[in-house]
Amino acid sequence: MRIFYTLSVSLLLLFGSNLLFGAGISGQVWQDDNGDNQFTFGEPRLSNIRVYQININGDTLLSTLTGMDGKYSFTNILPGDYKVAFELDSLPSDYSVVLQNFGSDDSIDSDVDSLGVSDTISLIAGSTINFLDMGVAPAPITVLNTDTIYLDMDKNGSLLICLDTTELIGNVQSAQVLSPPTNGVLTNFSGNCFTYIPNTNYVGIDQFLVIVCDDLSNCDTTLVNMNVIGLFAILPVAVNDIDTVVQGKPTQLQVLSNDTLFAPLTSLRIIDYPSLGSAEADSFGFIQYIPEPDICDEMVSLTYEICTQFGCDTGVVTVFIECDRIQVVDAFSPNGDGINENFVIKGIANYPDNRLIIFNRWGNKVFEQEKYDNSWSGDWNDSALSNGTYFYIFDKGDGSRLTGYFLIFK
């Protein structure tokens, strides 16, 4: 039993030494949003970036991907000299690596060169090298050789600007601000490059003047005009609507369906109510309209207002109240006053193949028309009919008909 125990320990130490005394490497890939070449809490980390552990000859030993938190790790590595390389092709387009080993805090700097490769690291048994990171940023804008330039950017962001210095004969020595921006700050000057940061939530035009000088005392000035654009700082646009409802039937008017908000809706309200029926705006972006139960074949309108955090706009909804059944007027007065001038059958639009015949009280036909359109004003053979009772037959065109009577009085 003793001999067996001694052999077990010996085998574990021989074949499990990597497990007990292996080394490790860990780090992250982060996006340098503020342009200071150092990781700042809150800056985004990039996932799905390929990372390689390579030997000093450049041979790949292991590879992995950064996780959803932008972090990676290699474990159980044999002691020795290695490098870490990041695959730049897996970065977003136009991204580049920030300055290597910038600053004195190794836990927040970027540890790889412009090709994404680290310096050689020496691992000893049982140790782990943390914070072997790569910082990246969108490629800086190189400005054309002009005295006045115009640039656009989104609010609450930052923009790295590099001025074209080809007019300078010597080596760039310094850049200074002759006239600072009114609505932002300039930071991180390095040669002919610097970062512009607008004031929080500022949207509009900003301007500043920068002078760049070389070691031969030659200088060049550039007037920079910044247009800071609010990503959603656009007023909403309400577009007028036309809708059809059935008399007496509550209907949900989807007034936002053709409107453009550009930002989340903060309020919807009715500012001019319809003359017929009732209407109410709800908290979901709809208007509930209830038409009158006994009125149809009429047009009504309402005016509503939509608002976002950036402003408001108004729109008009025109609603046609459709009849749920045929309604024939029982009298009309063609006297030229513009009121109740014609013989009207409400809901006639639902029966385009109709036919109307009208008789006087002696049974004589005084009017007949196919596809009647509510235009008859009580005349026959170019003469106005007298006051009295008349009878009608309305053929709907679907095999059914209505009969009844009405009065003409002037």
Foldseek 3Di string as FASTA:
>chain_A
DVVVVVVVVVVCCVVVVLVQFNEKEKAFEFEDFPPPQWDDPPTATDWQWKKFKAAPVGHTDDIDIQHPRRMDMDISHAWFKIKMAIDPVPDPPQKWWGDAPPDDDLQIHAAADRRRMHDIDTDGTPYYHYHNYTYMYHHADEDDPDQEDEEEDEAQGKHKYAYDDPVAPAAWDDKDWPFAKPFWGWDDDDRRIIMTHGHHPDFAKIKTKMWIAHPVRDIGIHIYIYGHHHQQLDAKFFEAAEEEEEAQDKDKAQRCPPIGHSADWDDKAWDFFKPFFGWGDDPVRIIITGGHNPDAQDKIKTKMKIGDPNGIDIYMYIYHHAYPDKDWDQEAECPPPPPRQWGDIGNLVVQQQKKKWKAAPVGHTFDIDTRDDRPHRQHHPPHHDAWDKMKMWMGSRPPDIDIDMHTYDD
